[in-house]
Amino acid sequence: MKARGLTQGKLAELIDSHPAAVSRALGSNLIDRRSLWIKILDALGLEIVVRPKQND
């Protein structure tokens, strides 16, 4: 968020949510807040990609 110049409050506005909900989502387990995380990632122009791990 910092790289995009967004505060939690501004992000909350972008996803039509309450700043407290964004704060909780950012401080909690991803699975617990998956619907809010989808909105957050969309607002930031990001996506989650699942792929097999590369062997080290």
PDB file of N, CA and C in Angstrom:
ATOM      1  N   MET A   1       0.816  -1.186   0.000  1.00  0.00           N
ATOM      2  CA  MET A   1       0.000   0.000   0.000  1.00  0.00           C
ATOM      3  C   MET A   1       0.861   1.251   0.000  1.00  0.00           C
ATOM      4  N   LYS A   2       1.931   1.222   0.762  1.00  0.00           N
ATOM      5  CA  LYS A   2       2.788   2.406   0.846  1.00  0.00           C
ATOM      6  C   LYS A   2       3.341   2.781  -0.521  1.00  0.00           C
ATOM      7  N   ALA A   3       3.721   1.764  -1.307  1.00  0.00           N
ATOM      8  CA  ALA A   3       4.282   2.031  -2.633  1.00  0.00           C
ATOM      9  C   ALA A   3       3.273   2.734  -3.534  1.00  0.00           C
ATOM     10  N   ARG A   4       2.002   2.531  -3.277  1.00  0.00           N
ATOM     11  CA  ARG A   4       0.951   3.166  -4.074  1.00  0.00           C
ATOM     12  C   ARG A   4       0.413   4.436  -3.414  1.00  0.00           C
ATOM     13  N   GLY A   5       0.983   4.798  -2.276  1.00  0.00           N
ATOM     14  CA  GLY A   5       0.565   6.016  -1.593  1.00  0.00           C
ATOM     15  C   GLY A   5      -0.819   5.932  -0.970  1.00  0.00           C
ATOM     16  N   LEU A   6      -1.225   4.733  -0.572  1.00  0.00           N
ATOM     17  CA  LEU A   6      -2.554   4.552   0.011  1.00  0.00           C
ATOM     18  C   LEU A   6      -2.483   4.381   1.518  1.00  0.00           C
ATOM     19  N   THR A   7      -3.418   5.004   2.183  1.00  0.00           N
ATOM     20  CA  THR A   7      -3.598   4.764   3.611  1.00  0.00           C
ATOM     21  C   THR A   7      -4.689   3.709   3.769  1.00  0.00           C
ATOM     22  N   GLN A   8      -4.822   3.182   4.963  1.00  0.00           N
ATOM     23  CA  GLN A   8      -5.900   2.228   5.211  1.00  0.00           C
ATOM     24  C   GLN A   8      -7.258   2.886   4.996  1.00  0.00           C
ATOM     25  N   GLY A   9      -7.370   4.150   5.366  1.00  0.00           N
ATOM     26  CA  GLY A   9      -8.622   4.873   5.175  1.00  0.00           C
ATOM     27  C   GLY A   9      -8.981   5.028   3.706  1.00  0.00           C
ATOM     28  N   LYS A  10      -7.998   5.390   2.887  1.00  0.00           N
ATOM     29  CA  LYS A  10      -8.239   5.552   1.452  1.00  0.00           C
ATOM     30  C   LYS A  10      -8.569   4.212   0.810  1.00  0.00           C
ATOM     31  N   LEU A  11      -7.861   3.171   1.220  1.00  0.00           N
ATOM     32  CA  LEU A  11      -8.149   1.839   0.699  1.00  0.00           C
ATOM     33  C   LEU A  11      -9.574   1.430   1.061  1.00  0.00           C
ATOM     34  N   ALA A  12      -9.991   1.733   2.276  1.00  0.00           N
ATOM     35  CA  ALA A  12     -11.361   1.426   2.697  1.00  0.00           C
ATOM     36  C   ALA A  12     -12.372   2.118   1.784  1.00  0.00           C
ATOM     37  N   GLU A  13     -12.103   3.365   1.426  1.00  0.00           N
ATOM     38  CA  GLU A  13     -12.984   4.084   0.503  1.00  0.00           C
ATOM     39  C   GLU A  13     -13.026   3.397  -0.857  1.00  0.00           C
ATOM     40  N   LEU A  14     -11.866   2.986  -1.355  1.00  0.00           N
ATOM     41  CA  LEU A  14     -11.793   2.356  -2.676  1.00  0.00           C
ATOM     42  C   LEU A  14     -12.591   1.065  -2.761  1.00  0.00           C
ATOM     43  N   ILE A  15     -12.653   0.327  -1.661  1.00  0.00           N
ATOM     44  CA  ILE A  15     -13.357  -0.956  -1.679  1.00  0.00           C
ATOM     45  C   ILE A  15     -14.716  -0.878  -0.989  1.00  0.00           C
ATOM     46  N   ASP A  16     -15.159   0.341  -0.698  1.00  0.00           N
ATOM     47  CA  ASP A  16     -16.458   0.566  -0.068  1.00  0.00           C
ATOM     48  C   ASP A  16     -16.583  -0.224   1.232  1.00  0.00           C
ATOM     49  N   SER A  17     -15.613  -0.010   2.099  1.00  0.00           N
ATOM     50  CA  SER A  17     -15.579  -0.705   3.381  1.00  0.00           C
ATOM     51  C   SER A  17     -15.242   0.299   4.472  1.00  0.00           C
ATOM     52  N   HIS A  18     -15.221  -0.162   5.692  1.00  0.00           N
ATOM     53  CA  HIS A  18     -14.897   0.680   6.840  1.00  0.00           C
ATOM     54  C   HIS A  18     -13.403   0.554   7.145  1.00  0.00           C
ATOM     55  N   PRO A  19     -12.740   1.644   7.516  1.00  0.00           N
ATOM     56  CA  PRO A  19     -11.313   1.566   7.840  1.00  0.00           C
ATOM     57  C   PRO A  19     -10.979   0.507   8.890  1.00  0.00           C
ATOM     58  N   ALA A  20     -11.862   0.311   9.850  1.00  0.00           N
ATOM     59  CA  ALA A  20     -11.607  -0.707  10.876  1.00  0.00           C
ATOM     60  C   ALA A  20     -11.592  -2.109  10.264  1.00  0.00           C
ATOM     61  N   ALA A  21     -12.441  -2.345   9.259  1.00  0.00           N
ATOM     62  CA  ALA A  21     -12.468  -3.652   8.599  1.00  0.00           C
ATOM     63  C   ALA A  21     -11.169  -3.886   7.836  1.00  0.00           C
ATOM     64  N   VAL A  22     -10.665  -2.848   7.189  1.00  0.00           N
ATOM     65  CA  VAL A  22      -9.392  -2.959   6.472  1.00  0.00           C
ATOM     66  C   VAL A  22      -8.265  -3.227   7.462  1.00  0.00           C
ATOM     67  N   SER A  23      -8.276  -2.520   8.566  1.00  0.00           N
ATOM     68  CA  SER A  23      -7.257  -2.716   9.590  1.00  0.00           C
ATOM     69  C   SER A  23      -7.271  -4.149  10.105  1.00  0.00           C
ATOM     70  N   ARG A  24      -8.460  -4.676  10.357  1.00  0.00           N
ATOM     71  CA  ARG A  24      -8.573  -6.067  10.821  1.00  0.00           C
ATOM     72  C   ARG A  24      -8.063  -7.034   9.759  1.00  0.00           C
ATOM     73  N   ALA A  25      -8.419  -6.782   8.502  1.00  0.00           N
ATOM     74  CA  ALA A  25      -8.004  -7.681   7.417  1.00  0.00           C
ATOM     75  C   ALA A  25      -6.488  -7.689   7.255  1.00  0.00           C
ATOM     76  N   LEU A  26      -5.880  -6.541   7.378  1.00  0.00           N
ATOM     77  CA  LEU A  26      -4.435  -6.458   7.209  1.00  0.00           C
ATOM     78  C   LEU A  26      -3.694  -7.075   8.383  1.00  0.00           C
ATOM     79  N   GLY A  27      -4.362  -7.185   9.507  1.00  0.00           N
ATOM     80  CA  GLY A  27      -3.712  -7.739  10.688  1.00  0.00           C
ATOM     81  C   GLY A  27      -4.147  -9.153  11.015  1.00  0.00           C
ATOM     82  N   SER A  28      -4.869  -9.805  10.109  1.00  0.00           N
ATOM     83  CA  SER A  28      -5.387 -11.137  10.410  1.00  0.00           C
ATOM     84  C   SER A  28      -4.963 -12.149   9.364  1.00  0.00           C
ATOM     85  N   ASN A  29      -5.389 -13.357   9.593  1.00  0.00           N
ATOM     86  CA  ASN A  29      -5.137 -14.458   8.675  1.00  0.00           C
ATOM     87  C   ASN A  29      -5.896 -14.216   7.369  1.00  0.00           C
ATOM     88  N   LEU A  30      -5.238 -14.412   6.246  1.00  0.00           N
ATOM     89  CA  LEU A  30      -5.843 -14.197   4.931  1.00  0.00           C
ATOM     90  C   LEU A  30      -7.138 -14.979   4.765  1.00  0.00           C
ATOM     91  N   ILE A  31      -7.174 -16.201   5.215  1.00  0.00           N
ATOM     92  CA  ILE A  31      -8.352 -17.046   5.043  1.00  0.00           C
ATOM     93  C   ILE A  31      -9.557 -16.473   5.792  1.00  0.00           C
ATOM     94  N   ASP A  32      -9.323 -15.862   6.938  1.00  0.00           N
ATOM     95  CA  ASP A  32     -10.419 -15.311   7.737  1.00  0.00           C
ATOM     96  C   ASP A  32     -11.140 -14.166   7.040  1.00  0.00           C
ATOM     97  N   ARG A  33     -10.458 -13.466   6.187  1.00  0.00           N
ATOM     98  CA  ARG A  33     -11.031 -12.271   5.561  1.00  0.00           C
ATOM     99  C   ARG A  33     -10.932 -12.331   4.038  1.00  0.00           C
ATOM    100  N   ARG A  34     -11.141 -13.506   3.465  1.00  0.00           N
ATOM    101  CA  ARG A  34     -10.887 -13.670   2.031  1.00  0.00           C
ATOM    102  C   ARG A  34     -11.728 -12.753   1.154  1.00  0.00           C
ATOM    103  N   SER A  35     -12.991 -12.507   1.480  1.00  0.00           N
ATOM    104  CA  SER A  35     -13.802 -11.648   0.614  1.00  0.00           C
ATOM    105  C   SER A  35     -13.287 -10.208   0.633  1.00  0.00           C
ATOM    106  N   LEU A  36     -12.856  -9.738   1.787  1.00  0.00           N
ATOM    107  CA  LEU A  36     -12.310  -8.388   1.874  1.00  0.00           C
ATOM    108  C   LEU A  36     -10.958  -8.316   1.172  1.00  0.00           C
ATOM    109  N   TRP A  37     -10.158  -9.374   1.300  1.00  0.00           N
ATOM    110  CA  TRP A  37      -8.859  -9.392   0.631  1.00  0.00           C
ATOM    111  C   TRP A  37      -9.000  -9.340  -0.881  1.00  0.00           C
ATOM    112  N   ILE A  38     -10.015  -9.974  -1.424  1.00  0.00           N
ATOM    113  CA  ILE A  38     -10.237  -9.919  -2.868  1.00  0.00           C
ATOM    114  C   ILE A  38     -10.462  -8.473  -3.295  1.00  0.00           C
ATOM    115  N   LYS A  39     -11.248  -7.738  -2.536  1.00  0.00           N
ATOM    116  CA  LYS A  39     -11.494  -6.326  -2.846  1.00  0.00           C
ATOM    117  C   LYS A  39     -10.217  -5.498  -2.696  1.00  0.00           C
ATOM    118  N   ILE A  40      -9.452  -5.776  -1.640  1.00  0.00           N
ATOM    119  CA  ILE A  40      -8.209  -5.042  -1.412  1.00  0.00           C
ATOM    120  C   ILE A  40      -7.236  -5.274  -2.564  1.00  0.00           C
ATOM    121  N   LEU A  41      -7.046  -6.528  -2.938  1.00  0.00           N
ATOM    122  CA  LEU A  41      -6.129  -6.839  -4.036  1.00  0.00           C
ATOM    123  C   LEU A  41      -6.593  -6.200  -5.337  1.00  0.00           C
ATOM    124  N   ASP A  42      -7.889  -6.227  -5.599  1.00  0.00           N
ATOM    125  CA  ASP A  42      -8.426  -5.615  -6.806  1.00  0.00           C
ATOM    126  C   ASP A  42      -8.165  -4.112  -6.816  1.00  0.00           C
ATOM    127  N   ALA A  43      -8.377  -3.460  -5.685  1.00  0.00           N
ATOM    128  CA  ALA A  43      -8.152  -2.016  -5.593  1.00  0.00           C
ATOM    129  C   ALA A  43      -6.687  -1.660  -5.808  1.00  0.00           C
ATOM    130  N   LEU A  44      -5.786  -2.565  -5.427  1.00  0.00           N
ATOM    131  CA  LEU A  44      -4.354  -2.328  -5.591  1.00  0.00           C
ATOM    132  C   LEU A  44      -3.833  -2.820  -6.941  1.00  0.00           C
ATOM    133  N   GLY A  45      -4.717  -3.397  -7.752  1.00  0.00           N
ATOM    134  CA  GLY A  45      -4.297  -3.914  -9.049  1.00  0.00           C
ATOM    135  C   GLY A  45      -3.444  -5.165  -8.924  1.00  0.00           C
ATOM    136  N   LEU A  46      -3.712  -5.961  -7.897  1.00  0.00           N
ATOM    137  CA  LEU A  46      -2.926  -7.166  -7.634  1.00  0.00           C
ATOM    138  C   LEU A  46      -3.811  -8.398  -7.691  1.00  0.00           C
ATOM    139  N   GLU A  47      -3.172  -9.549  -7.827  1.00  0.00           N
ATOM    140  CA  GLU A  47      -3.888 -10.812  -7.784  1.00  0.00           C
ATOM    141  C   GLU A  47      -3.019 -11.857  -7.103  1.00  0.00           C
ATOM    142  N   ILE A  48      -3.650 -12.885  -6.617  1.00  0.00           N
ATOM    143  CA  ILE A  48      -2.928 -14.013  -6.033  1.00  0.00           C
ATOM    144  C   ILE A  48      -2.828 -15.085  -7.103  1.00  0.00           C
ATOM    145  N   VAL A  49      -1.628 -15.575  -7.310  1.00  0.00           N
ATOM    146  CA  VAL A  49      -1.395 -16.632  -8.286  1.00  0.00           C
ATOM    147  C   VAL A  49      -0.875 -17.850  -7.538  1.00  0.00           C
ATOM    148  N   VAL A  50      -1.524 -18.980  -7.745  1.00  0.00           N
ATOM    149  CA  VAL A  50      -1.097 -20.220  -7.106  1.00  0.00           C
ATOM    150  C   VAL A  50      -0.365 -21.050  -8.150  1.00  0.00           C
ATOM    151  N   ARG A  51       0.846 -21.449  -7.800  1.00  0.00           N
ATOM    152  CA  ARG A  51       1.645 -22.256  -8.713  1.00  0.00           C
ATOM    153  C   ARG A  51       2.486 -23.210  -7.890  1.00  0.00           C
ATOM    154  N   PRO A  52       2.960 -24.279  -8.497  1.00  0.00           N
ATOM    155  CA  PRO A  52       3.822 -25.196  -7.754  1.00  0.00           C
ATOM    156  C   PRO A  52       5.103 -24.493  -7.312  1.00  0.00           C
ATOM    157  N   LYS A  53       5.599 -24.879  -6.165  1.00  0.00           N
ATOM    158  CA  LYS A  53       6.864 -24.330  -5.684  1.00  0.00           C
ATOM    159  C   LYS A  53       7.999 -24.807  -6.576  1.00  0.00           C
ATOM    160  N   GLN A  54       8.991 -23.948  -6.721  1.00  0.00           N
ATOM    161  CA  GLN A  54      10.188 -24.339  -7.450  1.00  0.00           C
ATOM    162  C   GLN A  54      11.125 -25.039  -6.482  1.00  0.00           C
ATOM    163  N   ASN A  55      11.756 -26.088  -6.939  1.00  0.00           N
ATOM    164  CA  ASN A  55      12.723 -26.793  -6.091  1.00  0.00           C
ATOM    165  C   ASN A  55      13.967 -25.947  -5.929  1.00  0.00           C
ATOM    166  N   ASP A  56      14.461 -25.881  -4.704  1.00  0.00           N
ATOM    167  CA  ASP A  56      15.681 -25.102  -4.439  1.00  0.00           C
ATOM    168  C   ASP A  56      16.916 -25.892  -4.772  1.00  0.00           C
TER     169      ASP A  56
END
